[in-house]
C-alpha atoms as a PDB file:
ATOM      1  CA  UNK A   1      15.993 -47.138 -22.591  1.00  0.00           C
ATOM      2  CA  UNK A   2      15.526 -43.315 -23.215  1.00  0.00           C
ATOM      3  CA  UNK A   3      12.546 -43.295 -25.433  1.00  0.00           C
ATOM      4  CA  UNK A   4      10.698 -45.276 -22.943  1.00  0.00           C
ATOM      5  CA  UNK A   5      11.740 -43.048 -20.319  1.00  0.00           C
ATOM      6  CA  UNK A   6      10.445 -40.374 -22.120  1.00  0.00           C
ATOM      7  CA  UNK A   7       6.910 -42.043 -23.305  1.00  0.00           C
ATOM      8  CA  UNK A   8       6.451 -42.950 -19.180  1.00  0.00           C
ATOM      9  CA  UNK A   9       7.432 -38.682 -18.300  1.00  0.00           C
ATOM     10  CA  UNK A  10       5.052 -37.438 -20.556  1.00  0.00           C
ATOM     11  CA  UNK A  11       2.792 -40.050 -18.840  1.00  0.00           C
ATOM     12  CA  UNK A  12       3.416 -38.558 -15.714  1.00  0.00           C
ATOM     13  CA  UNK A  13       2.949 -35.149 -16.393  1.00  0.00           C
ATOM     14  CA  UNK A  14      -0.410 -36.118 -17.826  1.00  0.00           C
ATOM     15  CA  UNK A  15      -2.008 -37.231 -15.135  1.00  0.00           C
ATOM     16  CA  UNK A  16      -0.108 -34.922 -12.913  1.00  0.00           C
ATOM     17  CA  UNK A  17      -2.191 -31.473 -11.923  1.00  0.00           C
ATOM     18  CA  UNK A  18       0.517 -28.538 -12.502  1.00  0.00           C
ATOM     19  CA  UNK A  19       1.117 -26.580  -9.167  1.00  0.00           C
ATOM     20  CA  UNK A  20      -0.662 -23.303  -9.182  1.00  0.00           C
ATOM     21  CA  UNK A  21       1.177 -20.399  -9.693  1.00  0.00           C
ATOM     22  CA  UNK A  22       2.553 -18.680  -7.409  1.00  0.00           C
ATOM     23  CA  UNK A  23       1.595 -15.216  -9.818  1.00  0.00           C
ATOM     24  CA  UNK A  24      -2.567 -16.785 -10.159  1.00  0.00           C
ATOM     25  CA  UNK A  25      -3.055 -15.044  -6.144  1.00  0.00           C
ATOM     26  CA  UNK A  26      -1.517 -11.959  -5.978  1.00  0.00           C
ATOM     27  CA  UNK A  27      -0.934  -9.438  -5.827  1.00  0.00           C
ATOM     28  CA  UNK A  28      -3.336  -9.095  -3.195  1.00  0.00           C
ATOM     29  CA  UNK A  29      -5.077  -6.016  -4.291  1.00  0.00           C
ATOM     30  CA  UNK A  30      -5.796  -5.300  -7.329  1.00  0.00           C
ATOM     31  CA  UNK A  31      -7.684  -2.163  -8.905  1.00  0.00           C
ATOM     32  CA  UNK A  32      -8.312  -0.956 -12.981  1.00  0.00           C
ATOM     33  CA  UNK A  33      -6.153   1.564 -14.517  1.00  0.00           C
ATOM     34  CA  UNK A  34      -7.627   4.624 -15.257  1.00  0.00           C
ATOM     35  CA  UNK A  35     -10.021   4.932 -12.093  1.00  0.00           C
ATOM     36  CA  UNK A  36      -8.655   7.195  -9.953  1.00  0.00           C
ATOM     37  CA  UNK A  37     -10.739  10.763 -10.180  1.00  0.00           C
ATOM     38  CA  UNK A  38      -9.048  13.170  -7.708  1.00  0.00           C
ATOM     39  CA  UNK A  39     -11.762  16.060  -7.041  1.00  0.00           C
ATOM     40  CA  UNK A  40     -11.949  18.522  -4.560  1.00  0.00           C
ATOM     41  CA  UNK A  41     -15.596  19.848  -3.601  1.00  0.00           C
ATOM     42  CA  UNK A  42     -17.225  18.039  -6.920  1.00  0.00           C
ATOM     43  CA  UNK A  43     -13.929  19.932  -9.156  1.00  0.00           C
ATOM     44  CA  UNK A  44     -10.941  18.628 -10.556  1.00  0.00           C
ATOM     45  CA  UNK A  45      -7.413  18.884  -9.201  1.00  0.00           C
ATOM     46  CA  UNK A  46      -4.559  20.368 -10.829  1.00  0.00           C
ATOM     47  CA  UNK A  47      -4.039  16.383 -10.764  1.00  0.00           C
ATOM     48  CA  UNK A  48      -6.747  15.549 -12.152  1.00  0.00           C
ATOM     49  CA  UNK A  49      -6.106  14.189 -16.639  1.00  0.00           C
ATOM     50  CA  UNK A  50      -8.004  13.603 -19.039  1.00  0.00           C
ATOM     51  CA  UNK A  51      -9.054   9.646 -17.224  1.00  0.00           C
ATOM     52  CA  UNK A  52      -7.982   9.540 -14.376  1.00  0.00           C
ATOM     53  CA  UNK A  53      -4.330  11.169 -12.770  1.00  0.00           C
ATOM     54  CA  UNK A  54      -2.010   8.635 -14.005  1.00  0.00           C
ATOM     55  CA  UNK A  55       0.275   9.563 -10.663  1.00  0.00           C
ATOM     56  CA  UNK A  56      -3.017   8.799  -7.622  1.00  0.00           C
ATOM     57  CA  UNK A  57      -3.822   5.250  -9.676  1.00  0.00           C
ATOM     58  CA  UNK A  58      -3.975   2.820  -8.175  1.00  0.00           C
ATOM     59  CA  UNK A  59      -2.836  -0.476  -9.620  1.00  0.00           C
ATOM     60  CA  UNK A  60      -1.855  -2.831  -7.597  1.00  0.00           C
ATOM     61  CA  UNK A  61      -0.755  -3.123  -3.605  1.00  0.00           C
ATOM     62  CA  UNK A  62       0.676  -5.369  -1.250  1.00  0.00           C
ATOM     63  CA  UNK A  63       1.897  -6.588   1.887  1.00  0.00           C
ATOM     64  CA  UNK A  64       3.624  -9.422   4.483  1.00  0.00           C
ATOM     65  CA  UNK A  65       5.833 -10.624   6.669  1.00  0.00           C
ATOM     66  CA  UNK A  66       9.726 -10.904   6.700  1.00  0.00           C
ATOM     67  CA  UNK A  67      12.979 -10.941   8.962  1.00  0.00           C
ATOM     68  CA  UNK A  68      10.637  -8.938  11.700  1.00  0.00           C
ATOM     69  CA  UNK A  69       9.273  -6.268   9.361  1.00  0.00           C
ATOM     70  CA  UNK A  70       5.699  -4.944   8.073  1.00  0.00           C
ATOM     71  CA  UNK A  71       6.630  -4.378   4.127  1.00  0.00           C
ATOM     72  CA  UNK A  72       3.974  -2.662   1.778  1.00  0.00           C
ATOM     73  CA  UNK A  73       4.358  -2.107  -2.177  1.00  0.00           C
ATOM     74  CA  UNK A  74       1.956   0.035  -3.847  1.00  0.00           C
ATOM     75  CA  UNK A  75       2.604   0.365  -7.820  1.00  0.00           C
ATOM     76  CA  UNK A  76       1.364   3.858  -9.380  1.00  0.00           C
ATOM     77  CA  UNK A  77       0.461   3.831 -12.887  1.00  0.00           C
ATOM     78  CA  UNK A  78       2.783   6.779 -12.955  1.00  0.00           C
ATOM     79  CA  UNK A  79       5.244   8.254 -10.170  1.00  0.00           C
ATOM     80  CA  UNK A  80       5.393  12.509 -10.608  1.00  0.00           C
ATOM     81  CA  UNK A  81       8.235  13.019 -11.757  1.00  0.00           C
ATOM     82  CA  UNK A  82      10.799  15.318  -9.961  1.00  0.00           C
ATOM     83  CA  UNK A  83       9.596  18.416 -10.205  1.00  0.00           C
ATOM     84  CA  UNK A  84       9.836  22.557  -9.226  1.00  0.00           C
ATOM     85  CA  UNK A  85       7.145  24.004  -7.151  1.00  0.00           C
ATOM     86  CA  UNK A  86       3.888  22.411  -8.129  1.00  0.00           C
ATOM     87  CA  UNK A  87       1.397  23.214  -5.589  1.00  0.00           C
ATOM     88  CA  UNK A  88       0.119  20.162  -4.510  1.00  0.00           C
ATOM     89  CA  UNK A  89       1.316  17.217  -3.407  1.00  0.00           C
ATOM     90  CA  UNK A  90       0.408  12.975  -2.713  1.00  0.00           C
ATOM     91  CA  UNK A  91      -0.264  10.617  -0.393  1.00  0.00           C
ATOM     92  CA  UNK A  92      -0.374   7.081  -1.018  1.00  0.00           C
ATOM     93  CA  UNK A  93      -1.452   4.440   1.846  1.00  0.00           C
ATOM     94  CA  UNK A  94      -1.225   0.569   2.619  1.00  0.00           C
ATOM     95  CA  UNK A  95      -3.894  -0.084   5.327  1.00  0.00           C
ATOM     96  CA  UNK A  96      -4.108  -3.084   7.160  1.00  0.00           C
ATOM     97  CA  UNK A  97      -6.848  -3.160   9.688  1.00  0.00           C
ATOM     98  CA  UNK A  98      -6.060  -5.420  13.216  1.00  0.00           C
ATOM     99  CA  UNK A  99      -7.146  -6.921  16.445  1.00  0.00           C
ATOM    100  CA  UNK A 100      -7.663  -2.882  18.246  1.00  0.00           C
ATOM    101  CA  UNK A 101      -7.682  -0.451  14.711  1.00  0.00           C
ATOM    102  CA  UNK A 102      -5.488  -0.286  11.706  1.00  0.00           C
ATOM    103  CA  UNK A 103      -2.180   0.636  10.762  1.00  0.00           C
ATOM    104  CA  UNK A 104      -1.947   2.474   7.582  1.00  0.00           C
ATOM    105  CA  UNK A 105       1.949   2.954   5.788  1.00  0.00           C
ATOM    106  CA  UNK A 106       2.135   6.540   4.340  1.00  0.00           C
ATOM    107  CA  UNK A 107       4.265   7.452   1.233  1.00  0.00           C
ATOM    108  CA  UNK A 108       4.254  11.510   1.035  1.00  0.00           C
ATOM    109  CA  UNK A 109       5.064  13.466  -1.675  1.00  0.00           C
ATOM    110  CA  UNK A 110       6.386  17.590  -2.177  1.00  0.00           C
ATOM    111  CA  UNK A 111       7.532  18.468  -5.686  1.00  0.00           C
ATOM    112  CA  UNK A 112       9.749  15.677  -5.686  1.00  0.00           C
ATOM    113  CA  UNK A 113      10.811  14.982  -1.586  1.00  0.00           C
ATOM    114  CA  UNK A 114       9.049  12.248  -0.188  1.00  0.00           C
ATOM    115  CA  UNK A 115       8.946  10.691   3.164  1.00  0.00           C
ATOM    116  CA  UNK A 116       7.765   7.893   4.517  1.00  0.00           C
ATOM    117  CA  UNK A 117       5.456   7.190   8.017  1.00  0.00           C
ATOM    118  CA  UNK A 118       2.972   4.658   9.906  1.00  0.00           C
ATOM    119  CA  UNK A 119      -0.418   5.661  12.003  1.00  0.00           C
ATOM    120  CA  UNK A 120      -1.948   3.310  14.113  1.00  0.00           C
ATOM    121  CA  UNK A 121      -5.532   4.398  14.995  1.00  0.00           C
ATOM    122  CA  UNK A 122      -7.993   2.721  17.412  1.00  0.00           C
ATOM    123  CA  UNK A 123     -12.303   2.831  16.868  1.00  0.00           C
ATOM    124  CA  UNK A 124     -13.609   6.045  19.208  1.00  0.00           C
ATOM    125  CA  UNK A 125     -16.013   4.682  20.895  1.00  0.00           C
ATOM    126  CA  UNK A 126     -18.665   7.546  20.295  1.00  0.00           C
ATOM    127  CA  UNK A 127     -20.613   6.645  24.165  1.00  0.00           C
ATOM    128  CA  UNK A 128     -16.755   6.656  25.534  1.00  0.00           C
ATOM    129  CA  UNK A 129     -15.428  10.391  27.453  1.00  0.00           C
ATOM    130  CA  UNK A 130     -12.082  10.144  26.333  1.00  0.00           C
ATOM    131  CA  UNK A 131     -11.269   9.672  22.068  1.00  0.00           C
ATOM    132  CA  UNK A 132      -8.409   7.301  21.301  1.00  0.00           C
ATOM    133  CA  UNK A 133      -5.990   9.306  18.839  1.00  0.00           C
ATOM    134  CA  UNK A 134      -4.466   9.056  16.236  1.00  0.00           C
ATOM    135  CA  UNK A 135      -0.436   7.805  16.825  1.00  0.00           C
ATOM    136  CA  UNK A 136       2.370   8.743  14.899  1.00  0.00           C
ATOM    137  CA  UNK A 137       5.045   5.579  15.163  1.00  0.00           C
ATOM    138  CA  UNK A 138       8.054   6.792  13.045  1.00  0.00           C
ATOM    139  CA  UNK A 139      10.509   3.858  12.002  1.00  0.00           C
ATOM    140  CA  UNK A 140       9.177   3.699   8.510  1.00  0.00           C
ATOM    141  CA  UNK A 141      11.778   3.361   5.148  1.00  0.00           C
ATOM    142  CA  UNK A 142      10.903   3.799   1.933  1.00  0.00           C
ATOM    143  CA  UNK A 143      11.831   4.059  -1.689  1.00  0.00           C
ATOM    144  CA  UNK A 144      10.821   4.080  -4.894  1.00  0.00           C
ATOM    145  CA  UNK A 145      10.713   3.410  -7.945  1.00  0.00           C
ATOM    146  CA  UNK A 146      10.161   5.411 -11.084  1.00  0.00           C
ATOM    147  CA  UNK A 147      10.074   2.774 -13.534  1.00  0.00           C
ATOM    148  CA  UNK A 148       8.021   0.418 -12.389  1.00  0.00           C
ATOM    149  CA  UNK A 149       5.978   3.343 -11.200  1.00  0.00           C
ATOM    150  CA  UNK A 150       6.124   1.745  -7.371  1.00  0.00           C
ATOM    151  CA  UNK A 151       6.282   2.851  -3.505  1.00  0.00           C
ATOM    152  CA  UNK A 152       7.592   0.067  -1.207  1.00  0.00           C
ATOM    153  CA  UNK A 153       7.477   0.650   2.411  1.00  0.00           C
ATOM    154  CA  UNK A 154       8.593  -0.707   5.834  1.00  0.00           C
ATOM    155  CA  UNK A 155       8.216  -0.950   9.699  1.00  0.00           C
ATOM    156  CA  UNK A 156       9.871  -3.055  12.606  1.00  0.00           C
ATOM    157  CA  UNK A 157       7.326  -5.629  13.530  1.00  0.00           C
ATOM    158  CA  UNK A 158       8.310  -4.660  17.447  1.00  0.00           C
ATOM    159  CA  UNK A 159       7.144  -1.152  16.773  1.00  0.00           C
ATOM    160  CA  UNK A 160       3.631  -2.600  15.850  1.00  0.00           C
ATOM    161  CA  UNK A 161       3.385  -4.926  19.385  1.00  0.00           C
ATOM    162  CA  UNK A 162       3.156  -2.003  21.256  1.00  0.00           C
ATOM    163  CA  UNK A 163      -0.176  -1.381  19.965  1.00  0.00           C
ATOM    164  CA  UNK A 164      -1.283  -4.864  18.388  1.00  0.00           C
ATOM    165  CA  UNK A 165      -1.130  -8.511  17.922  1.00  0.00           C
ATOM    166  CA  UNK A 166       1.866  -9.246  15.650  1.00  0.00           C
ATOM    167  CA  UNK A 167       2.395 -13.131  16.623  1.00  0.00           C
ATOM    168  CA  UNK A 168       2.894 -15.680  13.637  1.00  0.00           C
ATOM    169  CA  UNK A 169      -0.575 -16.707  12.527  1.00  0.00           C
ATOM    170  CA  UNK A 170      -2.055 -13.250  13.067  1.00  0.00           C
ATOM    171  CA  UNK A 171      -3.887 -11.876   9.837  1.00  0.00           C
ATOM    172  CA  UNK A 172      -4.353  -8.596   8.343  1.00  0.00           C
ATOM    173  CA  UNK A 173      -6.941  -7.362   5.925  1.00  0.00           C
ATOM    174  CA  UNK A 174      -5.162  -5.140   3.628  1.00  0.00           C
ATOM    175  CA  UNK A 175      -6.979  -1.812   1.376  1.00  0.00           C
ATOM    176  CA  UNK A 176      -5.215   0.835  -0.271  1.00  0.00           C
ATOM    177  CA  UNK A 177      -5.724   4.300  -1.142  1.00  0.00           C
ATOM    178  CA  UNK A 178      -4.335   7.784  -3.295  1.00  0.00           C
ATOM    179  CA  UNK A 179      -5.309  11.564  -2.379  1.00  0.00           C
ATOM    180  CA  UNK A 180      -3.940  14.753  -3.974  1.00  0.00           C
ATOM    181  CA  UNK A 181      -3.027  17.672  -1.373  1.00  0.00           C
ATOM    182  CA  UNK A 182      -3.519  20.632  -2.161  1.00  0.00           C
ATOM    183  CA  UNK A 183      -2.443  22.856   0.628  1.00  0.00           C
ATOM    184  CA  UNK A 184       0.802  24.140   2.595  1.00  0.00           C
ATOM    185  CA  UNK A 185       2.801  21.936   3.628  1.00  0.00           C
ATOM    186  CA  UNK A 186       3.746  21.140   6.684  1.00  0.00           C
ATOM    187  CA  UNK A 187       7.061  24.070   8.427  1.00  0.00           C
ATOM    188  CA  UNK A 188       9.977  22.781   9.576  1.00  0.00           C
ATOM    189  CA  UNK A 189      11.549  20.420   6.578  1.00  0.00           C
ATOM    190  CA  UNK A 190       8.844  17.913   7.331  1.00  0.00           C
ATOM    191  CA  UNK A 191       6.015  16.458   5.073  1.00  0.00           C
ATOM    192  CA  UNK A 192       2.950  15.966   6.495  1.00  0.00           C
ATOM    193  CA  UNK A 193      -0.040  15.449   5.279  1.00  0.00           C
ATOM    194  CA  UNK A 194      -1.517  19.566   5.456  1.00  0.00           C
ATOM    195  CA  UNK A 195      -4.063  20.664   4.098  1.00  0.00           C
ATOM    196  CA  UNK A 196      -6.588  19.227   1.898  1.00  0.00           C
ATOM    197  CA  UNK A 197      -6.196  15.906   1.324  1.00  0.00           C
ATOM    198  CA  UNK A 198      -9.165  14.357  -1.784  1.00  0.00           C
ATOM    199  CA  UNK A 199      -9.052  10.971  -2.455  1.00  0.00           C
ATOM    200  CA  UNK A 200      -8.478   9.715  -5.725  1.00  0.00           C
ATOM    201  CA  UNK A 201      -8.525   6.232  -5.934  1.00  0.00           C
ATOM    202  CA  UNK A 202      -9.302   3.425  -3.335  1.00  0.00           C
ATOM    203  CA  UNK A 203      -9.208  -0.663  -3.499  1.00  0.00           C
ATOM    204  CA  UNK A 204      -9.553  -2.981  -0.973  1.00  0.00           C
ATOM    205  CA  UNK A 205      -7.684  -6.689  -0.865  1.00  0.00           C
ATOM    206  CA  UNK A 206     -10.087  -9.836  -0.651  1.00  0.00           C
ATOM    207  CA  UNK A 207      -7.481 -12.168   1.382  1.00  0.00           C
ATOM    208  CA  UNK A 208      -5.456 -11.790   4.532  1.00  0.00           C
ATOM    209  CA  UNK A 209      -1.902 -11.354   5.127  1.00  0.00           C
ATOM    210  CA  UNK A 210      -1.440 -13.674   7.733  1.00  0.00           C
ATOM    211  CA  UNK A 211       2.020 -12.178  10.080  1.00  0.00           C
ATOM    212  CA  UNK A 212       5.146 -15.483   9.359  1.00  0.00           C
ATOM    213  CA  UNK A 213       3.487 -16.710   6.410  1.00  0.00           C
ATOM    214  CA  UNK A 214       4.858 -16.486   2.957  1.00  0.00           C
ATOM    215  CA  UNK A 215       2.851 -14.367   0.433  1.00  0.00           C
ATOM    216  CA  UNK A 216       3.313 -12.352  -2.530  1.00  0.00           C
ATOM    217  CA  UNK A 217       6.499 -10.306  -1.788  1.00  0.00           C
ATOM    218  CA  UNK A 218       8.872 -10.601  -5.170  1.00  0.00           C
END
């Protein structure tokens, strides 16, 4: 009887297709290793290396909503080790295009000290007399993992709701970028891009974040 049951189970397995792996479509953004090119006006920045710069080299990024929060993660080839005065910093960003503009979650680093922030940008109508400024949303938390090279950030959906739709089913297209920050950071201990932000690496997602639906969060 047991042998017959095993034969039936084997036959069913042969005709029932396997469910697609969740990891097959995750994360939303992937990027080639070693393609970071931090340069300033055609010259390598201090973060440059022989093959890209590992601390600005984006490997993957993701975003999803859960527990009334927007969560984002960006994974680098390597996070900078804690250090003394270095002379430059980093800005890693996950951007989500939304109705009426875009929100960008930033992780800023200066000499081993991190700060997290979210900016809201609205498109500027060239024919309008008033330009829409960038709004600093604050309320962003984050943490990083030196072993995995991951930076995770979160912001309450209620904060974003003042500027765009955040209801279930809303779709946002994601992208990611990294920069080397050269120059003097802001005073009063507040870390801001400051100085000159030199683009190093970027990647664009092919699928949208859908509010209220499980994405690639692990």
